[in-house]
Amino acid sequence: MMERVECGKQLVVLHVKGAGGKLVKLGVADPGKVVFMGGGELTLACGVQKPARRVRVEYRTKADAKTGVAGEVAVIEFLQ
């Protein structure tokens, strides 16, 4: 579940909660390089997602202690 989208000047950070309940922060440095798939609205809106959106995210593991992200997003599939 995508719970929040933080929009920054250099990086967009997705707050995604996995099936096990663990929250993971994932970065999007260049939205033009991310593949968006699925049904409904295929965009990212900044802020808390009300309600949280069901997504499947593919990412490259690339932890960054400075930003707190665990990886870089490659694909976001919006689920119904």
Protein backbone atom coordinates (compact mmCIF):
# COMPACT_ATOMS: atom_id res chain seq x y z
CA MET A 1 0.00 0.00 0.00
CA MET A 2 1.37 3.38 -0.99
CA GLU A 3 0.60 5.60 1.99
CA ARG A 4 2.45 8.83 1.22
CA VAL A 5 4.35 10.62 -1.56
CA GLU A 6 6.94 13.21 -0.55
CA CYS A 7 7.73 15.57 -3.41
CA GLY A 8 11.15 17.20 -3.16
CA LYS A 9 13.21 19.26 -5.60
CA GLN A 10 15.66 16.46 -6.36
CA LEU A 11 13.79 13.33 -5.30
CA VAL A 12 10.26 11.98 -4.91
CA VAL A 13 9.99 9.51 -2.01
CA LEU A 14 7.25 6.87 -1.90
CA HIS A 15 6.26 5.47 1.50
CA VAL A 16 5.09 1.92 0.76
CA LYS A 17 3.87 -0.59 3.36
CA GLY A 18 4.45 -4.22 2.39
CA ALA A 19 2.23 -7.21 3.08
CA GLY A 20 4.14 -7.87 6.30
CA GLY A 21 3.39 -4.35 7.54
CA LYS A 22 6.95 -3.05 7.11
CA LEU A 23 7.24 0.53 5.79
CA VAL A 24 9.79 1.05 3.01
CA LYS A 25 10.86 4.37 1.50
CA LEU A 26 11.65 4.22 -2.22
CA GLY A 27 13.08 7.01 -4.34
CA VAL A 28 12.14 8.37 -7.76
CA ALA A 29 14.91 10.64 -9.08
CA ASP A 30 13.53 10.85 -12.63
CA PRO A 31 9.78 10.11 -13.05
CA GLY A 32 10.33 9.88 -16.83
CA LYS A 33 12.30 6.67 -16.28
CA VAL A 34 9.56 4.98 -14.21
CA VAL A 35 7.08 2.65 -15.94
CA PHE A 36 3.50 3.24 -14.76
CA MET A 37 1.01 0.38 -15.25
CA GLY A 38 -2.40 -0.74 -14.09
CA GLY A 39 -5.88 0.67 -13.85
CA GLY A 40 -7.32 3.94 -12.64
CA GLU A 41 -5.29 7.13 -12.35
CA LEU A 42 -1.65 6.46 -13.20
CA THR A 43 -0.14 9.50 -11.50
CA LEU A 44 1.55 10.34 -8.24
CA ALA A 45 -0.07 13.00 -6.07
CA CYS A 46 2.08 14.58 -3.36
CA GLY A 47 1.11 14.07 0.27
CA VAL A 48 -0.80 11.44 2.22
CA GLN A 49 -2.74 9.10 -0.06
CA LYS A 50 -6.37 9.00 1.09
CA PRO A 51 -7.17 6.22 0.90
CA ALA A 52 -3.82 4.44 0.61
CA ARG A 53 -3.33 3.10 -2.91
CA ARG A 54 -2.72 -0.58 -3.67
CA VAL A 55 0.46 -0.85 -5.72
CA ARG A 56 3.09 -3.32 -6.79
CA VAL A 57 6.51 -1.67 -6.98
CA GLU A 58 9.64 -2.99 -8.64
CA TYR A 59 12.84 -1.27 -7.60
CA ARG A 60 16.58 -1.54 -7.70
CA THR A 61 18.12 -1.92 -4.25
CA LYS A 62 20.22 1.18 -3.74
CA ALA A 63 20.13 2.28 -0.12
CA ASP A 64 20.93 5.93 0.58
CA ALA A 65 21.47 6.87 4.23
CA LYS A 66 21.19 10.59 3.46
CA THR A 67 17.66 10.36 2.02
CA GLY A 68 16.59 7.22 3.90
CA VAL A 69 15.45 5.36 0.77
CA ALA A 70 15.98 1.63 0.31
CA GLY A 71 16.07 1.72 -3.48
CA GLU A 72 15.20 3.39 -6.77
CA VAL A 73 11.77 2.75 -8.31
CA ALA A 74 11.65 1.19 -11.81
CA VAL A 75 7.98 0.13 -12.14
CA ILE A 76 4.77 1.12 -10.33
CA GLU A 77 1.67 -0.96 -11.02
CA PHE A 78 -1.55 0.48 -9.62
CA LEU A 79 -3.86 -2.32 -8.50
CA GLN A 80 -7.64 -2.20 -8.23
